[in-house]
Protein backbone atom coordinates (compact mmCIF):
# COMPACT_ATOMS: atom_id res chain seq x y z
CA MET A 1 73.01 -1.59 56.65
CA ASN A 2 71.74 -3.64 54.21
CA THR A 3 68.10 -3.12 55.08
CA TYR A 4 68.39 0.59 54.97
CA ILE A 5 70.18 0.44 51.78
CA ARG A 6 67.34 -1.32 50.35
CA LEU A 7 64.72 0.97 51.73
CA ILE A 8 67.26 4.36 50.24
CA GLY A 9 66.91 2.14 46.91
CA ALA A 10 63.67 1.34 46.97
CA LEU A 11 62.24 5.21 47.99
CA ILE A 12 64.71 6.24 44.85
CA PHE A 13 63.19 3.51 42.77
CA LEU A 14 59.73 5.01 43.24
CA LEU A 15 60.70 8.45 42.99
CA LEU A 16 62.42 7.77 39.41
CA ASN A 17 58.36 5.98 38.50
CA PHE A 18 56.60 8.87 39.74
CA THR A 19 58.47 11.32 37.83
CA ASN A 20 58.09 9.23 35.13
CA ILE A 21 54.64 9.20 35.60
CA ALA A 22 53.91 12.54 35.68
CA TYR A 23 55.92 13.34 32.32
CA SER A 24 54.52 10.72 30.83
CA GLY A 25 52.45 11.81 27.98
CA GLY A 26 49.65 10.39 25.65
CA VAL A 27 47.54 10.03 22.30
CA GLU A 28 44.41 11.77 21.71
CA GLU A 29 42.39 11.49 18.71
CA ILE A 30 40.31 13.95 17.18
CA PRO A 31 37.48 13.23 14.89
CA PRO A 32 38.45 13.87 10.72
CA PRO A 33 36.83 17.12 9.29
CA VAL A 34 33.12 16.22 8.00
CA ALA A 35 33.71 16.42 4.20
CA GLY A 36 36.44 16.92 1.76
CA ASP A 37 38.99 14.99 3.24
CA MET A 38 41.16 12.25 1.50
CA SER A 39 40.76 9.78 4.71
CA SER A 40 38.01 9.29 7.23
CA ASP A 41 41.01 8.42 9.86
CA SER A 42 40.92 10.35 12.74
CA THR A 43 43.98 12.66 13.26
CA LYS A 44 45.83 11.62 16.25
CA VAL A 45 48.13 14.07 18.69
CA PHE A 46 50.65 13.17 21.10
CA VAL A 47 50.15 15.15 24.25
CA TRP A 48 52.38 16.49 27.04
CA GLU A 49 49.86 18.41 29.83
CA ALA A 50 52.01 20.84 32.48
CA GLN A 51 50.64 21.06 36.01
CA GLU A 52 49.95 24.70 35.98
CA PRO A 53 49.91 25.53 32.17
CA VAL A 54 49.64 29.27 30.37
CA ALA A 55 49.84 28.09 26.90
CA THR A 56 49.59 25.62 24.88
CA ILE A 57 51.71 24.56 21.67
CA VAL A 58 51.03 22.80 18.76
CA PHE A 59 53.88 21.35 16.73
CA VAL A 60 53.79 20.29 12.95
CA GLN A 61 57.09 17.73 12.50
CA GLY A 62 59.35 18.29 9.58
CA GLY A 63 60.01 15.17 7.63
CA THR A 64 57.31 13.43 6.03
CA GLY A 65 55.09 14.87 8.47
CA ARG A 66 53.84 11.33 9.48
CA LEU A 67 54.71 10.16 12.98
CA ALA A 68 52.62 6.60 12.80
CA LEU A 69 51.41 6.86 16.51
CA ARG A 70 50.25 4.18 18.35
CA THR A 71 47.26 4.72 20.75
CA ASP A 72 48.76 2.98 23.44
CA GLN A 73 52.09 4.94 23.16
CA LYS A 74 53.48 7.57 26.50
CA ASN A 75 56.37 9.02 24.87
CA LEU A 76 58.27 9.82 21.72
CA ASN A 77 61.49 9.09 23.20
CA HIS A 78 63.99 11.45 20.33
CA PRO A 79 65.64 13.81 21.80
CA PHE A 80 64.26 16.58 20.03
CA TYR A 81 60.42 15.34 20.82
CA GLN A 82 62.32 15.47 24.56
CA MET A 83 63.36 18.84 24.52
CA LEU A 84 59.65 19.48 24.09
CA ARG A 85 58.36 17.45 26.26
CA ARG A 86 60.29 19.89 28.70
CA LEU A 87 58.34 22.77 27.89
CA ALA A 88 55.62 20.98 29.86
CA GLU A 89 57.45 19.24 32.68
CA THR A 90 57.34 20.67 36.00
CA LYS A 91 60.49 19.39 37.80
CA THR A 92 62.52 22.17 36.82
CA GLY A 93 59.65 25.16 37.72
CA ASN A 94 59.93 26.59 34.41
CA GLY A 95 57.04 23.90 32.75
CA LYS A 96 54.30 26.09 31.76
CA ILE A 97 52.84 25.03 28.56
CA ASN A 98 51.01 22.21 26.86
CA VAL A 99 52.66 20.44 24.37
CA VAL A 100 50.60 19.09 21.27
CA VAL A 101 52.57 16.90 18.64
CA PHE A 102 50.19 16.55 15.27
CA ASP A 103 50.74 13.62 13.17
CA SER A 104 49.35 14.06 9.83
CA PRO A 105 47.23 10.25 8.68
CA TRP A 106 49.33 10.22 5.51
CA THR A 107 52.77 11.67 4.08
CA LEU A 108 52.81 15.24 3.03
CA GLY A 109 55.89 14.63 0.42
CA ASP A 110 59.18 14.85 1.31
CA VAL A 111 62.17 17.74 1.18
CA SER A 112 62.16 18.29 -2.09
CA ASN A 113 57.88 17.86 -2.79
CA PRO A 114 56.76 19.24 0.00
CA GLY A 115 53.38 20.85 -1.60
CA MET A 116 50.76 18.62 0.02
CA ARG A 117 51.14 20.70 3.56
CA ARG A 118 49.54 23.55 1.59
CA ALA A 119 47.01 21.14 0.96
CA SER A 120 43.60 22.59 2.36
CA ASN A 121 42.74 19.20 4.08
CA HIS A 122 46.16 18.94 5.74
CA LEU A 123 45.44 23.09 7.27
CA LYS A 124 41.50 22.04 8.05
CA ARG A 125 43.11 19.34 10.81
CA ILE A 126 45.44 21.48 11.90
CA GLU A 127 42.69 23.83 12.51
CA ASP A 128 40.57 21.42 13.88
CA VAL A 129 43.62 20.20 16.80
CA VAL A 130 43.71 24.11 17.46
CA LYS A 131 40.32 24.94 18.05
CA PHE A 132 39.57 21.46 20.10
CA TYR A 133 42.61 22.47 22.23
CA LYS A 134 42.17 25.83 22.75
CA GLU A 135 38.67 24.68 24.07
CA LYS A 136 40.10 22.06 25.91
CA PHE A 137 42.31 24.14 28.01
CA LYS A 138 40.85 27.97 27.71
CA LEU A 139 44.61 28.75 27.15
CA PRO A 140 46.69 30.73 24.08
CA VAL A 141 47.33 28.15 21.23
CA TRP A 142 50.80 28.99 19.47
CA VAL A 143 51.79 27.14 16.55
CA MET A 144 55.23 25.90 15.71
CA GLY A 145 56.76 23.70 12.97
CA HIS A 146 60.23 22.14 12.28
CA SER A 147 61.76 22.05 8.79
CA ASN A 148 59.19 21.02 6.83
CA GLY A 149 56.67 21.42 9.13
CA GLY A 150 57.93 25.45 8.36
CA ILE A 151 55.47 25.15 5.72
CA SER A 152 52.41 23.75 7.23
CA ILE A 153 52.73 26.84 9.61
CA THR A 154 52.89 29.40 7.09
CA SER A 155 50.25 28.03 5.08
CA PHE A 156 48.51 27.92 8.28
CA ILE A 157 48.72 31.75 8.87
CA GLU A 158 47.55 32.22 5.11
CA TYR A 159 44.62 30.14 5.40
CA LEU A 160 43.59 32.04 8.91
CA GLN A 161 43.85 35.04 6.84
CA GLU A 162 41.66 34.22 4.32
CA ASN A 163 39.14 33.01 6.72
CA ASN A 164 39.65 36.10 9.25
CA SER A 165 40.63 33.98 12.06
CA VAL A 166 44.15 34.65 12.45
CA ARG A 167 43.15 35.61 16.00
CA LEU A 168 42.58 31.66 16.62
CA ILE A 169 46.13 32.04 17.53
CA GLN A 170 48.37 33.66 19.81
CA GLY A 171 52.00 33.28 17.95
CA ALA A 172 53.94 30.94 15.64
CA ILE A 173 57.39 29.34 15.43
CA LEU A 174 59.58 28.23 12.89
CA SER A 175 62.38 26.03 14.03
CA ASN A 176 64.97 25.39 11.45
CA SER A 177 62.25 25.71 8.90
CA ASN A 178 62.18 24.92 5.22
CA ASN A 179 63.17 28.33 3.39
CA TYR A 180 60.45 27.56 1.37
CA ILE A 181 58.13 29.46 2.99
CA SER A 182 56.46 33.10 3.01
CA PHE A 183 54.02 35.56 4.38
CA LYS A 184 51.39 38.08 3.29
CA PRO A 185 50.17 41.25 4.57
CA PRO A 186 48.28 42.09 6.59
CA LEU A 187 50.11 40.26 9.30
CA ASN A 188 50.08 41.34 13.25
CA LEU A 189 51.29 37.66 15.28
CA PRO A 190 54.50 37.21 17.38
CA ILE A 191 56.51 34.90 15.10
CA LEU A 192 59.79 33.62 16.06
CA PHE A 193 62.49 32.40 14.07
CA VAL A 194 64.73 29.52 16.02
CA GLN A 195 67.50 28.53 13.76
CA HIS A 196 70.70 26.43 14.08
CA GLU A 197 73.54 28.80 12.54
CA TYR A 198 75.47 25.28 11.21
CA ASP A 199 72.27 23.34 9.84
CA SER A 200 73.87 21.46 7.35
CA CYS A 201 70.21 20.61 4.94
CA ALA A 202 70.47 22.32 1.96
CA GLU A 203 66.51 23.70 1.97
CA THR A 204 67.13 24.97 5.60
CA GLY A 205 69.77 26.99 5.94
CA ALA A 206 70.94 29.77 8.36
CA SER A 207 71.58 32.53 5.38
CA SER A 208 67.89 32.19 3.87
CA LYS A 209 66.30 32.47 7.28
CA VAL A 210 68.15 35.71 7.70
CA ALA A 211 66.78 37.19 4.32
CA ILE A 212 63.07 35.77 5.30
CA TYR A 213 63.30 37.34 8.66
CA GLU A 214 64.43 40.73 7.39
CA ASP A 215 61.63 40.32 5.00
CA LEU A 216 58.92 39.65 7.32
CA LYS A 217 59.77 42.52 9.57
CA LYS A 218 58.82 44.70 7.04
CA ILE A 219 55.26 43.78 6.76
CA ASN A 220 54.79 42.16 10.27
CA GLN A 221 53.28 44.73 12.94
CA SER A 222 53.92 42.56 16.04
CA VAL A 223 56.98 41.14 17.38
CA THR A 224 59.43 38.78 15.05
CA GLU A 225 62.46 37.74 15.96
CA LEU A 226 65.34 35.64 14.95
CA ALA A 227 67.37 33.33 17.45
CA MET A 228 70.59 32.19 16.00
CA ILE A 229 71.69 29.07 17.91
CA SER A 230 75.36 28.00 17.48
CA SER A 231 76.40 25.30 20.11
CA GLY A 232 76.36 21.86 20.08
CA GLY A 233 77.62 18.75 17.97
CA SER A 234 78.37 18.19 14.73
CA ALA A 235 76.51 19.55 11.64
CA GLY A 236 74.93 16.16 10.79
CA ASP A 237 72.29 16.10 7.95
CA CYS A 238 68.76 16.47 7.57
CA LYS A 239 67.51 13.75 10.28
CA SER A 240 70.68 14.58 12.91
CA GLY A 241 73.28 17.34 13.99
CA ALA A 242 72.66 20.69 14.10
CA HIS A 243 69.39 20.16 12.31
CA MET A 244 67.97 18.53 15.04
CA TYR A 245 69.41 20.56 17.73
CA SER A 246 72.12 17.81 18.83
CA ASP A 247 73.16 18.66 21.88
CA SER A 248 72.08 22.39 21.88
CA GLU A 249 68.45 21.22 22.73
CA LEU A 250 68.45 23.10 25.99
CA ASP A 251 69.09 26.38 24.19
CA ALA A 252 66.40 25.66 22.09
CA GLN A 253 63.96 24.91 24.78
CA ASN A 254 64.56 27.84 26.83
CA ILE A 255 64.62 30.45 23.77
CA ILE A 256 60.89 29.05 22.68
CA ARG A 257 60.12 29.10 26.29
CA ARG A 258 60.91 32.74 27.07
CA PHE A 259 59.46 34.34 23.64
CA ILE A 260 56.08 32.24 24.61
CA LEU A 261 55.60 33.89 28.18
CA LYS A 262 56.85 37.20 26.93
CA ASN A 263 54.42 37.20 24.19
CA ASN A 264 51.25 35.00 25.96
CA ALA A 265 49.07 38.28 26.98
CA PRO A 266 45.59 38.00 25.68
CA LYS A 267 45.53 40.46 22.38
CA ASN A 268 42.82 43.19 22.69
């Protein structure tokens, strides 16, 4: 009997470790721009690859924009990043999206002064990452920004418009985005706002997001959606609670996945 129990225990241990290996990720480095950059450091990204992907998402975080990734890192443990990881994992049968987490080599300011997210050197690095994974995976690439990362994404869209290269990306997702974002016509790009109703961070509140969404619908020729989330725990602050989808990660994950898969068809 004891031998049987030990064998079952060993089997469970192996299965758990296989799962962790299968869905662990890793850090990759993208060469820095050739010139005009404030750093000679490469752009580090954290990547979770799906086993049968149909799309790739490049995610730009909020806050200062800097994770300071280590080259030997195998996971990002915060529940928000684990929510992104599950877009790639396949044990549920739903993971079809490669996830690439962008890490700036330098800090990009803070909530009150996020202007560096509009700088050309920052936007060029995002472009290089998008191009790298578009070529590597041969799949449509989506961009996503959370909180201050929304400024990076909307500025990147404007950067692509100015360079007549919006077709580089398939669409964009703005997650509890900073309210100081704007869009310029003409625009023809699937865009999703994911917003927690009880986000208590002053710069990312829900009421302003509704107004931004309504204005965007008037100029965007493609799908424009606002998904409001009300589940989860306490409001928290700009680093926790509703702003980070605490206890509502599954809702956010499913909303993002559905929008990408629904609007992932190649453009004409």
